[in-house]
Amino acid sequence: MKLENRVALITGGGRGIGRAIALAFAREGARVAVAARTRQQVEAVAEEICAGGREALPLACDVTDSRSVERAVEATLERWNRLDILVNNAGTADRGKLVDCDEVTWNHTIAVNLTGTYLCTRAALPHMLSAQYGRIINVASVAGRQAIPFAPAYTAAKHGVLGFTRSVALEMAPRGITANAICPGWVDTEMTEAALRQIVEKTSRTPQQARQALEHMSPQGRLVPVEEVAELAVFLASEEARSINGQAINICGGSVMS
């Protein structure tokens, strides 16, 4: 197994991409701390992992609150006395015109997607530095590689995540720690379902037409399954990827090719 005896902390782990990564890590032998704001969701994921014979720890965590983040890291260390892998997956998306994006929306979107990534990384790094080993995986977006209309705060945040990833990668490279970003296109998740509902509400499209419009943004004509994103995360967390550092890897069916 690729992650045997490793300990991972995954934010936004209660659903969607985070849940898929948690399950995939556990299948590969990792012990997984599953963190999110909704305790019921992370408890369900942890139960699913434990039912498969692996170890999991559900944690209620708000990535915009530094003390909440510190408690999650502390709880992980108390349980397993190490932290090898951090997956910064917690995220939120805004949809709307820039002129309608108020300060509350802007600040919240930046706080969850970008500041949360910084807070979690800052809290985890001392323990990785002590071990001279670590894997930091930031779930960004193709919105970090190109502009996305009607999502100004989200686009800005994800561009920031890529810059942050590269800075961490350079600083930590001599210390046995890598930092990389995954940039998904439209993924078949609850967040995408919310976007589809907004498209239906604001246009004359049916739900099926709205979904087809998103699918056609990919040359493959489909949404990305969460399991494919999870398998990429497994690879980046593994020893096979130790020379991959500071990279932003697209997983979007070819909609972005840079």
C-alpha atoms as a PDB file:
ATOM      1  CA  MET A   1       0.000   0.000   0.000  1.00  0.00           C
ATOM      2  CA  LYS A   2       1.278   3.429  -0.951  1.00  0.00           C
ATOM      3  CA  LEU A   3       0.537   5.229   2.329  1.00  0.00           C
ATOM      4  CA  GLU A   4       1.089   2.478   4.892  1.00  0.00           C
ATOM      5  CA  ASN A   5       1.558   3.916   8.421  1.00  0.00           C
ATOM      6  CA  ARG A   6       1.272   7.525   7.257  1.00  0.00           C
ATOM      7  CA  VAL A   7      -0.966   9.971   9.115  1.00  0.00           C
ATOM      8  CA  ALA A   8      -3.024  12.453   7.105  1.00  0.00           C
ATOM      9  CA  LEU A   9      -5.161  15.432   8.041  1.00  0.00           C
ATOM     10  CA  ILE A  10      -7.771  16.346   5.446  1.00  0.00           C
ATOM     11  CA  THR A  11      -9.840  19.530   5.681  1.00  0.00           C
ATOM     12  CA  GLY A  12     -13.229  19.747   4.050  1.00  0.00           C
ATOM     13  CA  GLY A  13     -13.281  15.987   4.503  1.00  0.00           C
ATOM     14  CA  GLY A  14     -16.967  15.496   5.160  1.00  0.00           C
ATOM     15  CA  ARG A  15     -18.156  15.384   1.566  1.00  0.00           C
ATOM     16  CA  GLY A  16     -17.185  15.644  -2.086  1.00  0.00           C
ATOM     17  CA  ILE A  17     -13.501  15.658  -2.965  1.00  0.00           C
ATOM     18  CA  GLY A  18     -12.388  15.640   0.675  1.00  0.00           C
ATOM     19  CA  ARG A  19     -14.425  12.550   1.499  1.00  0.00           C
ATOM     20  CA  ALA A  20     -13.115  10.756  -1.592  1.00  0.00           C
ATOM     21  CA  ILE A  21      -9.518  11.587  -0.639  1.00  0.00           C
ATOM     22  CA  ALA A  22     -10.071  10.395   2.938  1.00  0.00           C
ATOM     23  CA  LEU A  23     -11.452   7.059   1.725  1.00  0.00           C
ATOM     24  CA  ALA A  24      -8.682   6.624  -0.844  1.00  0.00           C
ATOM     25  CA  PHE A  25      -5.942   7.409   1.685  1.00  0.00           C
ATOM     26  CA  ALA A  26      -7.417   4.909   4.127  1.00  0.00           C
ATOM     27  CA  ARG A  27      -7.527   2.203   1.452  1.00  0.00           C
ATOM     28  CA  GLU A  28      -3.821   2.838   0.858  1.00  0.00           C
ATOM     29  CA  GLY A  29      -3.023   2.300   4.538  1.00  0.00           C
ATOM     30  CA  ALA A  30      -3.067   5.817   5.987  1.00  0.00           C
ATOM     31  CA  ARG A  31      -4.586   6.783   9.306  1.00  0.00           C
ATOM     32  CA  VAL A  32      -6.854   9.701   8.544  1.00  0.00           C
ATOM     33  CA  ALA A  33      -8.019  12.712  10.541  1.00  0.00           C
ATOM     34  CA  VAL A  34     -11.150  13.953   8.764  1.00  0.00           C
ATOM     35  CA  ALA A  35     -11.879  17.619   9.496  1.00  0.00           C
ATOM     36  CA  ALA A  36     -14.775  19.904   8.561  1.00  0.00           C
ATOM     37  CA  ARG A  37     -17.210  22.300  10.206  1.00  0.00           C
ATOM     38  CA  THR A  38     -20.085  19.803  10.166  1.00  0.00           C
ATOM     39  CA  ARG A  39     -19.349  17.143  12.772  1.00  0.00           C
ATOM     40  CA  GLN A  40     -22.093  14.820  11.535  1.00  0.00           C
ATOM     41  CA  GLN A  41     -20.458  14.613   8.102  1.00  0.00           C
ATOM     42  CA  VAL A  42     -16.940  13.876   9.345  1.00  0.00           C
ATOM     43  CA  GLU A  43     -18.252  11.319  11.811  1.00  0.00           C
ATOM     44  CA  ALA A  44     -20.004   9.520   8.961  1.00  0.00           C
ATOM     45  CA  VAL A  45     -16.803   9.452   6.887  1.00  0.00           C
ATOM     46  CA  ALA A  46     -14.768   8.253   9.869  1.00  0.00           C
ATOM     47  CA  GLU A  47     -17.279   5.484  10.537  1.00  0.00           C
ATOM     48  CA  GLU A  48     -17.052   4.419   6.901  1.00  0.00           C
ATOM     49  CA  ILE A  49     -13.265   4.230   7.138  1.00  0.00           C
ATOM     50  CA  CYS A  50     -13.325   2.321  10.422  1.00  0.00           C
ATOM     51  CA  ALA A  51     -15.888  -0.109   9.009  1.00  0.00           C
ATOM     52  CA  GLY A  52     -13.274  -0.980   6.393  1.00  0.00           C
ATOM     53  CA  GLY A  53     -10.757  -1.866   9.090  1.00  0.00           C
ATOM     54  CA  ARG A  54      -8.756   1.376   9.016  1.00  0.00           C
ATOM     55  CA  GLU A  55      -8.230   4.127  11.594  1.00  0.00           C
ATOM     56  CA  ALA A  56      -9.926   7.520  11.376  1.00  0.00           C
ATOM     57  CA  LEU A  57     -10.481  10.509  13.626  1.00  0.00           C
ATOM     58  CA  PRO A  58     -13.412  12.889  13.033  1.00  0.00           C
ATOM     59  CA  LEU A  59     -12.651  16.519  13.877  1.00  0.00           C
ATOM     60  CA  ALA A  60     -14.868  19.586  13.878  1.00  0.00           C
ATOM     61  CA  CYS A  61     -12.710  22.347  12.444  1.00  0.00           C
ATOM     62  CA  ASP A  62     -13.231  25.827  11.018  1.00  0.00           C
ATOM     63  CA  VAL A  63     -10.218  26.571   8.823  1.00  0.00           C
ATOM     64  CA  THR A  64     -10.794  30.325   9.130  1.00  0.00           C
ATOM     65  CA  ASP A  65     -10.207  30.142  12.912  1.00  0.00           C
ATOM     66  CA  SER A  66      -6.542  29.694  13.844  1.00  0.00           C
ATOM     67  CA  ARG A  67      -7.340  28.202  17.245  1.00  0.00           C
ATOM     68  CA  SER A  68      -9.743  25.677  15.700  1.00  0.00           C
ATOM     69  CA  VAL A  69      -7.024  24.673  13.245  1.00  0.00           C
ATOM     70  CA  GLU A  70      -4.464  24.317  16.025  1.00  0.00           C
ATOM     71  CA  ARG A  71      -6.835  22.093  18.002  1.00  0.00           C
ATOM     72  CA  ALA A  72      -7.323  19.843  14.967  1.00  0.00           C
ATOM     73  CA  VAL A  73      -3.569  19.444  14.516  1.00  0.00           C
ATOM     74  CA  GLU A  74      -3.104  18.845  18.245  1.00  0.00           C
ATOM     75  CA  ALA A  75      -5.841  16.202  18.271  1.00  0.00           C
ATOM     76  CA  THR A  76      -4.219  14.415  15.336  1.00  0.00           C
ATOM     77  CA  LEU A  77      -0.859  14.378  17.117  1.00  0.00           C
ATOM     78  CA  GLU A  78      -2.411  13.224  20.386  1.00  0.00           C
ATOM     79  CA  ARG A  79      -4.006  10.298  18.575  1.00  0.00           C
ATOM     80  CA  TRP A  80      -1.072   9.162  16.430  1.00  0.00           C
ATOM     81  CA  ASN A  81       1.958  11.226  17.508  1.00  0.00           C
ATOM     82  CA  ARG A  82       2.788  12.284  13.960  1.00  0.00           C
ATOM     83  CA  LEU A  83       1.463  14.191  10.954  1.00  0.00           C
ATOM     84  CA  ASP A  84       2.855  13.244   7.566  1.00  0.00           C
ATOM     85  CA  ILE A  85       0.305  14.541   5.060  1.00  0.00           C
ATOM     86  CA  LEU A  86      -1.860  17.649   4.999  1.00  0.00           C
ATOM     87  CA  VAL A  87      -4.608  18.049   2.419  1.00  0.00           C
ATOM     88  CA  ASN A  88      -6.011  21.576   2.315  1.00  0.00           C
ATOM     89  CA  ASN A  89      -9.338  20.887   0.649  1.00  0.00           C
ATOM     90  CA  ALA A  90     -11.842  23.073   2.527  1.00  0.00           C
ATOM     91  CA  GLY A  91     -13.379  25.550   0.118  1.00  0.00           C
ATOM     92  CA  THR A  92     -16.341  27.662  -0.802  1.00  0.00           C
ATOM     93  CA  ALA A  93     -17.364  29.334  -4.051  1.00  0.00           C
ATOM     94  CA  ASP A  94     -19.090  32.581  -4.848  1.00  0.00           C
ATOM     95  CA  ARG A  95     -21.214  33.032  -7.952  1.00  0.00           C
ATOM     96  CA  GLY A  96     -22.269  36.430  -9.241  1.00  0.00           C
ATOM     97  CA  LYS A  97     -21.182  39.648 -10.857  1.00  0.00           C
ATOM     98  CA  LEU A  98     -18.307  41.609  -9.364  1.00  0.00           C
ATOM     99  CA  VAL A  99     -20.564  44.594  -8.697  1.00  0.00           C
ATOM    100  CA  ASP A 100     -22.763  42.318  -6.584  1.00  0.00           C
ATOM    101  CA  CYS A 101     -19.864  40.802  -4.628  1.00  0.00           C
ATOM    102  CA  ASP A 102     -20.051  42.550  -1.256  1.00  0.00           C
ATOM    103  CA  GLU A 103     -17.249  42.657   1.302  1.00  0.00           C
ATOM    104  CA  VAL A 104     -18.762  39.897   3.414  1.00  0.00           C
ATOM    105  CA  THR A 105     -18.790  37.489   0.456  1.00  0.00           C
ATOM    106  CA  TRP A 106     -15.313  38.542  -0.649  1.00  0.00           C
ATOM    107  CA  ASN A 107     -13.757  38.217   2.820  1.00  0.00           C
ATOM    108  CA  HIS A 108     -15.427  34.880   3.552  1.00  0.00           C
ATOM    109  CA  THR A 109     -14.362  33.361   0.224  1.00  0.00           C
ATOM    110  CA  ILE A 110     -10.759  34.491   0.680  1.00  0.00           C
ATOM    111  CA  ALA A 111     -10.766  33.349   4.317  1.00  0.00           C
ATOM    112  CA  VAL A 112     -11.914  29.801   3.585  1.00  0.00           C
ATOM    113  CA  ASN A 113     -10.005  29.122   0.375  1.00  0.00           C
ATOM    114  CA  LEU A 114      -6.744  31.011   0.909  1.00  0.00           C
ATOM    115  CA  THR A 115      -6.306  32.027   4.538  1.00  0.00           C
ATOM    116  CA  GLY A 116      -7.510  28.591   5.654  1.00  0.00           C
ATOM    117  CA  THR A 117      -4.819  26.986   3.522  1.00  0.00           C
ATOM    118  CA  TYR A 118      -2.222  29.224   5.147  1.00  0.00           C
ATOM    119  CA  LEU A 119      -3.454  28.587   8.700  1.00  0.00           C
ATOM    120  CA  CYS A 120      -3.511  24.813   8.310  1.00  0.00           C
ATOM    121  CA  THR A 121      -0.105  24.727   6.645  1.00  0.00           C
ATOM    122  CA  ARG A 122       1.421  26.960   9.312  1.00  0.00           C
ATOM    123  CA  ALA A 123       0.039  24.727  12.062  1.00  0.00           C
ATOM    124  CA  ALA A 124       1.202  21.469  10.464  1.00  0.00           C
ATOM    125  CA  LEU A 125       4.669  22.497   9.299  1.00  0.00           C
ATOM    126  CA  PRO A 126       6.527  22.477  12.647  1.00  0.00           C
ATOM    127  CA  HIS A 127       5.708  18.799  13.073  1.00  0.00           C
ATOM    128  CA  MET A 128       6.728  17.961   9.519  1.00  0.00           C
ATOM    129  CA  LEU A 129       9.956  19.900   9.986  1.00  0.00           C
ATOM    130  CA  SER A 130      10.693  17.969  13.143  1.00  0.00           C
ATOM    131  CA  ALA A 131      10.303  14.714  11.208  1.00  0.00           C
ATOM    132  CA  GLN A 132      12.091  16.079   8.125  1.00  0.00           C
ATOM    133  CA  TYR A 133       9.207  14.706   6.086  1.00  0.00           C
ATOM    134  CA  GLY A 134       5.885  15.965   4.805  1.00  0.00           C
ATOM    135  CA  ARG A 135       3.436  16.137   1.951  1.00  0.00           C
ATOM    136  CA  ILE A 136       1.248  19.219   1.554  1.00  0.00           C
ATOM    137  CA  ILE A 137      -1.494  18.946  -1.052  1.00  0.00           C
ATOM    138  CA  ASN A 138      -3.636  22.003  -1.746  1.00  0.00           C
ATOM    139  CA  VAL A 139      -6.862  21.467  -3.650  1.00  0.00           C
ATOM    140  CA  ALA A 140      -7.050  24.546  -5.851  1.00  0.00           C
ATOM    141  CA  SER A 141      -8.977  24.804  -9.131  1.00  0.00           C
ATOM    142  CA  VAL A 142      -8.585  25.588 -12.802  1.00  0.00           C
ATOM    143  CA  ALA A 143      -9.820  28.973 -11.549  1.00  0.00           C
ATOM    144  CA  GLY A 144      -6.284  29.339 -10.240  1.00  0.00           C
ATOM    145  CA  ARG A 145      -4.894  28.882 -13.756  1.00  0.00           C
ATOM    146  CA  GLN A 146      -7.271  31.120 -15.690  1.00  0.00           C
ATOM    147  CA  ALA A 147     -10.032  33.636 -15.034  1.00  0.00           C
ATOM    148  CA  ILE A 148     -13.501  32.354 -14.240  1.00  0.00           C
ATOM    149  CA  PRO A 149     -16.316  34.842 -14.939  1.00  0.00           C
ATOM    150  CA  PHE A 150     -18.841  35.595 -12.214  1.00  0.00           C
ATOM    151  CA  ALA A 151     -16.574  34.202  -9.479  1.00  0.00           C
ATOM    152  CA  PRO A 152     -14.166  37.050  -8.657  1.00  0.00           C
ATOM    153  CA  ALA A 153     -13.346  36.177  -5.050  1.00  0.00           C
ATOM    154  CA  TYR A 154     -13.025  32.461  -5.772  1.00  0.00           C
ATOM    155  CA  THR A 155     -10.749  33.116  -8.746  1.00  0.00           C
ATOM    156  CA  ALA A 156      -8.576  35.470  -6.711  1.00  0.00           C
ATOM    157  CA  ALA A 157      -8.366  32.998  -3.825  1.00  0.00           C
ATOM    158  CA  LYS A 158      -7.375  30.062  -6.004  1.00  0.00           C
ATOM    159  CA  HIS A 159      -4.714  32.123  -7.794  1.00  0.00           C
ATOM    160  CA  GLY A 160      -3.414  32.925  -4.321  1.00  0.00           C
ATOM    161  CA  VAL A 161      -3.361  29.249  -3.363  1.00  0.00           C
ATOM    162  CA  LEU A 162      -1.080  28.483  -6.306  1.00  0.00           C
ATOM    163  CA  GLY A 163       1.337  31.271  -5.373  1.00  0.00           C
ATOM    164  CA  PHE A 164       1.327  30.116  -1.760  1.00  0.00           C
ATOM    165  CA  THR A 165       1.961  26.512  -2.813  1.00  0.00           C
ATOM    166  CA  ARG A 166       5.002  27.483  -4.864  1.00  0.00           C
ATOM    167  CA  SER A 167       6.451  29.605  -2.078  1.00  0.00           C
ATOM    168  CA  VAL A 168       6.066  26.802   0.467  1.00  0.00           C
ATOM    169  CA  ALA A 169       7.530  24.291  -1.988  1.00  0.00           C
ATOM    170  CA  LEU A 170      10.710  26.316  -2.469  1.00  0.00           C
ATOM    171  CA  GLU A 171      11.144  27.034   1.218  1.00  0.00           C
ATOM    172  CA  MET A 172      10.587  23.437   2.319  1.00  0.00           C
ATOM    173  CA  ALA A 173      12.365  21.569  -0.494  1.00  0.00           C
ATOM    174  CA  PRO A 174      15.635  21.076   1.441  1.00  0.00           C
ATOM    175  CA  ARG A 175      13.716  19.762   4.468  1.00  0.00           C
ATOM    176  CA  GLY A 176      12.073  16.678   2.991  1.00  0.00           C
ATOM    177  CA  ILE A 177       8.694  18.366   2.515  1.00  0.00           C
ATOM    178  CA  THR A 178       6.865  18.850  -0.776  1.00  0.00           C
ATOM    179  CA  ALA A 179       3.937  21.123  -1.578  1.00  0.00           C
ATOM    180  CA  ASN A 180       1.750  20.721  -4.638  1.00  0.00           C
ATOM    181  CA  ALA A 181      -1.656  21.841  -5.850  1.00  0.00           C
ATOM    182  CA  ILE A 182      -4.411  19.931  -7.608  1.00  0.00           C
ATOM    183  CA  CYS A 183      -6.476  22.025 -10.022  1.00  0.00           C
ATOM    184  CA  PRO A 184      -9.775  20.310 -10.827  1.00  0.00           C
ATOM    185  CA  GLY A 185     -12.224  21.486 -13.434  1.00  0.00           C
ATOM    186  CA  TRP A 186     -15.913  20.892 -12.855  1.00  0.00           C
ATOM    187  CA  VAL A 187     -16.152  17.920 -10.487  1.00  0.00           C
ATOM    188  CA  ASP A 188     -19.289  15.929  -9.781  1.00  0.00           C
ATOM    189  CA  THR A 189     -19.838  17.226  -6.222  1.00  0.00           C
ATOM    190  CA  GLU A 190     -22.389  18.974  -4.045  1.00  0.00           C
ATOM    191  CA  MET A 191     -20.678  22.295  -4.822  1.00  0.00           C
ATOM    192  CA  THR A 192     -21.268  21.725  -8.523  1.00  0.00           C
ATOM    193  CA  GLU A 193     -24.894  20.807  -7.826  1.00  0.00           C
ATOM    194  CA  ALA A 194     -25.273  24.176  -6.092  1.00  0.00           C
ATOM    195  CA  ALA A 195     -23.808  25.901  -9.153  1.00  0.00           C
ATOM    196  CA  LEU A 196     -26.235  24.014 -11.369  1.00  0.00           C
ATOM    197  CA  ARG A 197     -29.171  25.202  -9.272  1.00  0.00           C
ATOM    198  CA  GLN A 198     -27.992  28.787  -9.675  1.00  0.00           C
ATOM    199  CA  ILE A 199     -27.711  28.355 -13.439  1.00  0.00           C
ATOM    200  CA  VAL A 200     -31.271  27.031 -13.583  1.00  0.00           C
ATOM    201  CA  GLU A 201     -32.550  29.891 -11.405  1.00  0.00           C
ATOM    202  CA  LYS A 202     -30.853  32.620 -13.443  1.00  0.00           C
ATOM    203  CA  THR A 203     -31.403  31.215 -16.945  1.00  0.00           C
ATOM    204  CA  SER A 204     -34.141  29.464 -18.867  1.00  0.00           C
ATOM    205  CA  ARG A 205     -32.183  26.197 -18.915  1.00  0.00           C
ATOM    206  CA  THR A 206     -33.506  22.963 -17.483  1.00  0.00           C
ATOM    207  CA  PRO A 207     -31.370  21.070 -14.923  1.00  0.00           C
ATOM    208  CA  GLN A 208     -30.296  18.660 -17.667  1.00  0.00           C
ATOM    209  CA  GLN A 209     -29.328  21.512 -19.995  1.00  0.00           C
ATOM    210  CA  ALA A 210     -27.384  23.219 -17.210  1.00  0.00           C
ATOM    211  CA  ARG A 211     -25.465  20.046 -16.474  1.00  0.00           C
ATOM    212  CA  GLN A 212     -24.715  19.488 -20.152  1.00  0.00           C
ATOM    213  CA  ALA A 213     -23.374  23.041 -20.399  1.00  0.00           C
ATOM    214  CA  LEU A 214     -20.830  22.302 -17.661  1.00  0.00           C
ATOM    215  CA  GLU A 215     -19.963  18.925 -19.167  1.00  0.00           C
ATOM    216  CA  HIS A 216     -19.296  20.524 -22.535  1.00  0.00           C
ATOM    217  CA  MET A 217     -16.689  22.817 -20.971  1.00  0.00           C
ATOM    218  CA  SER A 218     -14.447  19.739 -20.974  1.00  0.00           C
ATOM    219  CA  PRO A 219     -13.184  18.276 -24.264  1.00  0.00           C
ATOM    220  CA  GLN A 220     -14.091  14.897 -22.747  1.00  0.00           C
ATOM    221  CA  GLY A 221     -17.691  16.040 -22.351  1.00  0.00           C
ATOM    222  CA  ARG A 222     -18.028  14.986 -18.718  1.00  0.00           C
ATOM    223  CA  LEU A 223     -17.634  16.132 -15.149  1.00  0.00           C
ATOM    224  CA  VAL A 224     -14.610  14.807 -13.282  1.00  0.00           C
ATOM    225  CA  PRO A 225     -15.482  12.036 -10.784  1.00  0.00           C
ATOM    226  CA  VAL A 226     -14.263  12.698  -7.245  1.00  0.00           C
ATOM    227  CA  GLU A 227     -12.464   9.359  -7.254  1.00  0.00           C
ATOM    228  CA  GLU A 228     -10.106  10.526  -9.995  1.00  0.00           C
ATOM    229  CA  VAL A 229      -9.117  13.588  -7.977  1.00  0.00           C
ATOM    230  CA  ALA A 230      -8.559  11.332  -4.967  1.00  0.00           C
ATOM    231  CA  GLU A 231      -6.238   9.020  -6.890  1.00  0.00           C
ATOM    232  CA  LEU A 232      -4.121  11.993  -7.931  1.00  0.00           C
ATOM    233  CA  ALA A 233      -3.915  13.035  -4.275  1.00  0.00           C
ATOM    234  CA  VAL A 234      -2.795   9.508  -3.330  1.00  0.00           C
ATOM    235  CA  PHE A 235      -0.004   9.711  -5.883  1.00  0.00           C
ATOM    236  CA  LEU A 236       1.176  13.129  -4.679  1.00  0.00           C
ATOM    237  CA  ALA A 237       1.187  11.863  -1.093  1.00  0.00           C
ATOM    238  CA  SER A 238       3.218   8.768  -1.982  1.00  0.00           C
ATOM    239  CA  GLU A 239       6.943   8.140  -2.178  1.00  0.00           C
ATOM    240  CA  GLU A 240       6.674   7.832  -5.955  1.00  0.00           C
ATOM    241  CA  ALA A 241       5.973  11.581  -6.125  1.00  0.00           C
ATOM    242  CA  ARG A 242       8.857  12.772  -3.952  1.00  0.00           C
ATOM    243  CA  SER A 243      10.438  14.706  -6.839  1.00  0.00           C
ATOM    244  CA  ILE A 244       7.187  16.491  -7.697  1.00  0.00           C
ATOM    245  CA  ASN A 245       7.250  19.816  -5.870  1.00  0.00           C
ATOM    246  CA  GLY A 246       5.696  23.229  -6.403  1.00  0.00           C
ATOM    247  CA  GLN A 247       3.454  21.976  -9.184  1.00  0.00           C
ATOM    248  CA  ALA A 248      -0.143  22.815 -10.055  1.00  0.00           C
ATOM    249  CA  ILE A 249      -1.610  19.757 -11.749  1.00  0.00           C
ATOM    250  CA  ASN A 250      -4.770  20.164 -13.794  1.00  0.00           C
ATOM    251  CA  ILE A 251      -7.409  17.445 -13.712  1.00  0.00           C
ATOM    252  CA  CYS A 252     -10.051  18.840 -16.021  1.00  0.00           C
ATOM    253  CA  GLY A 253     -10.327  16.659 -19.115  1.00  0.00           C
ATOM    254  CA  GLY A 254      -8.199  19.070 -21.121  1.00  0.00           C
ATOM    255  CA  SER A 255     -10.191  22.272 -20.651  1.00  0.00           C
ATOM    256  CA  VAL A 256      -6.975  23.944 -19.430  1.00  0.00           C
ATOM    257  CA  MET A 257      -3.648  22.935 -20.948  1.00  0.00           C
ATOM    258  CA  SER A 258      -1.007  24.971 -19.152  1.00  0.00           C
END
